[in-house]
Amino acid sequence: MEQRLQKILSAAGIASRRAAEAYITDGRVSVNGQTVTELGTKADPETDDIRVDGRRVKTAARRLYILMYKPRGYITSRSDPQRRPTVIDLLAKGGVRDYVYPVGRLDYESEGLLLLTSDGDLAARLTHPSHEVEREYQVKVLGVPDDHDLKRIAKGILIDDRRTLPAEVRLLKVIDGTDAQHALLSIVVKEGRNRQVRNMCEAVGHPVDRLRRVRIGSITDEHIRPGEFRELDAKEIAALKRSAVPRPDARRPELTRARPKRPRALEATRREDSPRN
């Protein structure tokens, strides 16, 4: 049965659909010896010879769903041009040789729960902003944000001309340091923009000292240690699939873009997004 190439690559665990589209447009995919660069091209995975970078694409024997605690100092990628250690290296050390890829990102300095899978369809749904899958972080920041700062983060921060979706923010505790106070925050977001939580905290004048992701959707694990991983059980997989169903009232990402710049006379009356002195 013919299917779109990006769906075939995703189902085979080669890449997410978005990444598979890039493979196609970059000329890395061939069907029966012919390079394909047009999105929407179809093929039959059972009868056609489909290759990526010259390697035959095989239908995945089974789909893997792995939960890892990513330590700091690891790249959330299958490979790194700078030869820094990756989360795939951790899987290999643990004996996993199947082709899986990370769902979303945790940057080099961040740690915490990370999903890896060979299920491209689920990965695409989990990372699409319209599904608003919750991700909870515990964040240690410099200084102690006041109520105004917390409300700004919760309401949405303007980053790169686009406002973040509303978030849930709680002050968990105040930490007295030798030179300054720190605060531990719980921040729940429903989108996965690059370094989003760090940028939100930076915008209110409280840079992040340490960031740890503790929940993805309903998936959490208080016992998993840095560098460890395990397969999700059937209930966890089912819960993830339920959370990746689009909400009928979900806000479209384009509606969160900044409005045209106001005249200076009006701008003075609206200071919420300006850094406090």
Protein backbone atom coordinates (compact mmCIF):
# COMPACT_ATOMS: atom_id res chain seq x y z
CA MET A 1 0.00 0.00 0.00
CA GLU A 2 1.43 3.34 -1.05
CA GLN A 3 2.08 5.98 1.61
CA ARG A 4 3.80 9.35 1.72
CA LEU A 5 7.56 8.96 2.01
CA GLN A 6 7.81 11.06 5.17
CA LYS A 7 5.27 8.80 6.87
CA ILE A 8 7.20 5.70 5.82
CA LEU A 9 10.47 7.08 7.18
CA SER A 10 8.77 8.12 10.41
CA ALA A 11 7.09 4.73 10.88
CA ALA A 12 10.45 3.01 10.28
CA GLY A 13 12.00 5.04 13.10
CA ILE A 14 14.37 6.91 10.79
CA ALA A 15 13.26 10.39 11.84
CA SER A 16 10.27 12.45 12.82
CA ARG A 17 8.01 13.50 9.94
CA ARG A 18 9.42 17.02 9.98
CA ALA A 19 13.00 15.75 9.84
CA ALA A 20 12.02 13.22 7.16
CA GLU A 21 10.70 16.07 5.01
CA ALA A 22 14.11 17.74 5.29
CA TYR A 23 15.81 14.48 4.26
CA ILE A 24 13.62 14.40 1.14
CA THR A 25 14.14 18.03 0.10
CA ASP A 26 17.89 17.65 0.72
CA GLY A 27 18.02 14.79 -1.80
CA ARG A 28 18.98 12.13 0.74
CA VAL A 29 16.08 9.77 -0.11
CA SER A 30 15.75 7.49 -3.13
CA VAL A 31 12.99 5.18 -4.35
CA ASN A 32 13.95 2.30 -6.66
CA GLY A 33 17.27 3.98 -7.43
CA GLN A 34 15.79 7.42 -8.22
CA THR A 35 16.48 10.36 -5.91
CA VAL A 36 13.27 11.96 -4.66
CA THR A 37 13.12 15.63 -3.63
CA GLU A 38 9.40 16.40 -3.93
CA LEU A 39 7.29 16.30 -0.77
CA GLY A 40 4.12 14.28 -1.15
CA THR A 41 5.80 11.53 -3.17
CA LYS A 42 4.35 8.14 -2.35
CA ALA A 43 5.86 4.66 -2.24
CA ASP A 44 5.01 1.17 -1.05
CA PRO A 45 7.27 0.14 1.86
CA GLU A 46 6.55 -3.54 1.15
CA THR A 47 7.60 -3.58 -2.52
CA ASP A 48 9.69 -0.45 -3.23
CA ASP A 49 13.41 -0.07 -2.55
CA ILE A 50 13.48 3.00 -0.29
CA ARG A 51 16.84 4.30 0.91
CA VAL A 52 18.18 7.14 3.04
CA ASP A 53 21.80 8.08 2.39
CA GLY A 54 22.09 4.83 0.45
CA ARG A 55 20.90 2.61 3.30
CA ARG A 56 17.78 0.49 2.81
CA VAL A 57 14.81 1.48 4.96
CA LYS A 58 13.32 -1.47 6.79
CA THR A 59 9.98 -1.59 8.55
CA ALA A 60 10.56 -1.42 12.28
CA ALA A 61 10.06 -4.79 13.96
CA ARG A 62 8.61 -3.09 17.03
CA ARG A 63 8.23 0.40 18.31
CA LEU A 64 10.32 1.48 21.25
CA TYR A 65 9.27 4.00 23.89
CA ILE A 66 12.10 4.89 26.27
CA LEU A 67 12.18 7.23 29.26
CA MET A 68 15.64 8.56 30.13
CA TYR A 69 16.99 10.88 32.78
CA LYS A 70 19.33 13.03 30.69
CA PRO A 71 22.31 14.26 32.71
CA ARG A 72 23.84 17.67 32.22
CA GLY A 73 26.66 17.66 29.69
CA TYR A 74 24.91 15.55 27.07
CA ILE A 75 23.46 16.60 23.70
CA THR A 76 19.85 15.69 22.90
CA SER A 77 20.64 14.48 19.40
CA ARG A 78 21.65 11.35 17.53
CA SER A 79 25.08 12.84 16.79
CA ASP A 80 27.09 15.99 17.42
CA PRO A 81 29.58 17.64 15.01
CA GLN A 82 31.61 18.80 18.03
CA ARG A 83 31.86 15.18 19.24
CA ARG A 84 30.21 15.94 22.57
CA PRO A 85 28.48 12.97 24.26
CA THR A 86 24.87 12.40 23.22
CA VAL A 87 21.86 10.66 24.72
CA ILE A 88 22.29 7.97 22.05
CA ASP A 89 25.71 7.22 23.54
CA LEU A 90 23.98 6.52 26.86
CA LEU A 91 21.57 4.12 25.16
CA ALA A 92 24.43 2.33 23.41
CA LYS A 93 26.25 1.87 26.72
CA GLY A 94 23.06 0.29 28.05
CA GLY A 95 22.86 -2.13 25.13
CA VAL A 96 20.17 -0.41 23.02
CA ARG A 97 21.08 -0.55 19.33
CA ASP A 98 17.61 0.14 17.86
CA TYR A 99 17.12 3.32 15.86
CA VAL A 100 15.31 5.79 18.11
CA TYR A 101 15.41 9.55 18.32
CA PRO A 102 14.65 12.13 21.01
CA VAL A 103 11.17 13.63 21.35
CA GLY A 104 11.84 17.34 21.76
CA ARG A 105 14.95 18.81 23.33
CA LEU A 106 16.79 19.37 26.58
CA ASP A 107 19.76 21.65 26.08
CA TYR A 108 23.34 20.75 27.00
CA GLU A 109 23.21 22.35 30.46
CA SER A 110 19.75 20.99 31.35
CA GLU A 111 18.82 17.64 32.86
CA GLY A 112 15.76 15.53 33.53
CA LEU A 113 13.22 13.35 31.81
CA LEU A 114 13.49 12.79 28.07
CA LEU A 115 11.49 10.53 25.77
CA LEU A 116 13.11 8.61 22.91
CA THR A 117 11.10 6.54 20.45
CA SER A 118 10.94 4.91 17.06
CA ASP A 119 7.26 5.93 16.75
CA GLY A 120 7.48 8.94 14.46
CA ASP A 121 3.74 9.63 14.46
CA LEU A 122 3.59 9.91 18.25
CA ALA A 123 6.78 12.00 18.37
CA ALA A 124 5.29 14.48 15.89
CA ARG A 125 2.07 14.76 17.89
CA LEU A 126 3.84 15.18 21.22
CA THR A 127 5.97 18.04 19.91
CA HIS A 128 3.26 19.86 17.94
CA PRO A 129 2.24 23.03 19.86
CA SER A 130 -1.47 22.62 19.04
CA HIS A 131 -1.62 19.55 21.32
CA GLU A 132 -0.35 21.55 24.31
CA VAL A 133 1.31 18.58 26.03
CA GLU A 134 2.45 19.72 29.46
CA ARG A 135 6.11 19.67 30.48
CA GLU A 136 7.00 20.45 34.07
CA TYR A 137 10.36 21.83 35.14
CA GLN A 138 11.98 22.52 38.49
CA VAL A 139 14.11 25.59 38.00
CA LYS A 140 16.68 27.10 40.36
CA VAL A 141 17.07 30.80 39.56
CA LEU A 142 19.27 33.60 40.84
CA GLY A 143 17.37 35.84 43.23
CA VAL A 144 13.77 35.49 44.36
CA PRO A 145 11.04 36.49 41.86
CA ASP A 146 8.20 38.50 43.37
CA ASP A 147 4.51 38.06 42.57
CA HIS A 148 4.76 40.46 39.63
CA ASP A 149 7.58 38.42 38.06
CA LEU A 150 5.70 35.13 38.54
CA LYS A 151 2.53 36.59 37.00
CA ARG A 152 4.49 37.81 33.98
CA ILE A 153 5.87 34.33 33.35
CA ALA A 154 2.42 32.78 33.88
CA LYS A 155 0.72 35.22 31.52
CA GLY A 156 3.29 34.82 28.75
CA ILE A 157 6.60 36.44 27.88
CA LEU A 158 7.44 38.08 24.57
CA ILE A 159 10.40 36.16 23.08
CA ASP A 160 11.59 36.76 19.51
CA ASP A 161 8.43 38.75 18.69
CA ARG A 162 6.16 35.91 19.82
CA ARG A 163 4.46 35.54 23.17
CA THR A 164 4.76 32.25 25.03
CA LEU A 165 1.57 30.42 25.90
CA PRO A 166 0.24 30.82 29.45
CA ALA A 167 2.20 28.77 31.97
CA GLU A 168 1.73 27.52 35.53
CA VAL A 169 4.31 28.94 37.94
CA ARG A 170 4.88 28.26 41.65
CA LEU A 171 7.56 29.35 44.08
CA LEU A 172 8.61 26.12 45.81
CA LYS A 173 11.22 27.46 48.20
CA VAL A 174 13.84 30.13 48.83
CA ILE A 175 17.47 28.97 49.09
CA ASP A 176 19.97 31.02 51.10
CA GLY A 177 23.38 30.99 49.47
CA THR A 178 26.72 32.31 50.68
CA ASP A 179 26.62 35.30 48.32
CA ALA A 180 22.97 35.58 47.27
CA GLN A 181 19.55 34.03 47.55
CA HIS A 182 18.16 31.62 44.99
CA ALA A 183 14.63 30.41 44.38
CA LEU A 184 13.33 27.02 43.29
CA LEU A 185 10.38 27.34 40.91
CA SER A 186 7.97 24.88 39.35
CA ILE A 187 7.14 25.92 35.79
CA VAL A 188 4.68 24.02 33.58
CA VAL A 189 4.67 24.94 29.88
CA LYS A 190 2.63 23.61 26.96
CA GLU A 191 5.03 24.27 24.11
CA GLY A 192 8.65 23.42 23.40
CA ARG A 193 10.40 26.47 22.00
CA ASN A 194 14.21 26.59 22.04
CA ARG A 195 15.52 27.35 25.57
CA GLN A 196 12.05 28.63 26.39
CA VAL A 197 12.09 28.28 30.19
CA ARG A 198 15.58 29.79 30.43
CA ASN A 199 14.54 32.73 28.25
CA MET A 200 11.35 33.31 30.27
CA CYS A 201 13.27 33.50 33.53
CA GLU A 202 15.97 35.67 31.98
CA ALA A 203 13.28 38.07 30.74
CA VAL A 204 12.12 38.81 34.29
CA GLY A 205 15.67 39.29 35.58
CA HIS A 206 16.21 35.90 37.24
CA PRO A 207 18.65 33.80 35.16
CA VAL A 208 18.56 30.03 35.51
CA ASP A 209 21.26 28.35 37.58
CA ARG A 210 19.90 24.81 37.19
CA LEU A 211 17.01 23.34 35.20
CA ARG A 212 15.48 19.88 35.57
CA ARG A 213 12.47 18.44 33.71
CA VAL A 214 10.37 16.28 36.03
CA ARG A 215 7.26 15.51 33.98
CA ILE A 216 6.18 15.01 30.35
CA GLY A 217 2.41 14.82 30.03
CA SER A 218 1.48 12.34 32.77
CA ILE A 219 4.87 10.60 32.68
CA THR A 220 7.07 11.04 35.74
CA ASP A 221 9.59 8.94 37.64
CA GLU A 222 11.10 9.98 40.97
CA HIS A 223 13.44 6.99 41.15
CA ILE A 224 15.27 7.14 37.82
CA ARG A 225 18.80 8.51 38.20
CA PRO A 226 20.92 10.64 35.82
CA GLY A 227 22.06 8.50 32.89
CA GLU A 228 19.52 5.75 33.54
CA PHE A 229 16.66 4.80 31.22
CA ARG A 230 13.81 2.32 30.96
CA GLU A 231 11.06 1.35 28.56
CA LEU A 232 7.60 2.79 29.16
CA ASP A 233 4.91 0.32 30.15
CA ALA A 234 1.64 -0.14 28.25
CA LYS A 235 -0.32 2.24 30.52
CA GLU A 236 2.26 5.00 30.13
CA ILE A 237 2.28 4.61 26.34
CA ALA A 238 -1.52 4.76 26.23
CA ALA A 239 -1.50 7.88 28.43
CA LEU A 240 1.00 9.58 26.13
CA LYS A 241 -1.12 8.81 23.09
CA ARG A 242 -4.20 10.26 24.81
CA SER A 243 -2.31 13.43 25.71
CA ALA A 244 -1.22 13.86 22.09
CA VAL A 245 -4.76 14.30 20.79
CA PRO A 246 -5.37 17.89 19.57
CA ARG A 247 -7.56 19.96 21.86
CA PRO A 248 -10.53 21.59 20.10
CA ASP A 249 -9.89 24.85 21.97
CA ALA A 250 -6.10 24.79 21.52
CA ARG A 251 -4.61 28.16 20.60
CA ARG A 252 -2.97 28.27 17.22
CA PRO A 253 0.71 29.31 17.47
CA GLU A 254 0.30 32.13 14.98
CA LEU A 255 -2.23 33.83 17.26
CA THR A 256 0.45 34.33 19.89
CA ARG A 257 2.60 36.56 17.71
CA ALA A 258 3.21 40.09 18.83
CA ARG A 259 0.86 42.82 17.67
CA PRO A 260 2.18 45.64 15.47
CA LYS A 261 4.25 48.12 17.44
CA ARG A 262 2.14 50.76 19.18
CA PRO A 263 2.72 54.49 18.78
CA ARG A 264 5.10 55.77 21.46
CA ALA A 265 2.36 57.76 23.20
CA LEU A 266 0.31 54.61 23.76
CA GLU A 267 3.28 52.40 24.51
CA ALA A 268 3.98 54.23 27.75
CA THR A 269 0.66 53.05 29.17
CA ARG A 270 1.57 49.38 28.78
CA ARG A 271 4.68 48.32 30.69
CA GLU A 272 4.01 44.70 31.58
CA ASP A 273 6.59 43.26 29.23
CA SER A 274 9.31 45.79 30.03
CA PRO A 275 12.08 44.69 32.42
CA ARG A 276 11.60 46.19 35.86
CA ASN A 277 14.23 48.58 37.14
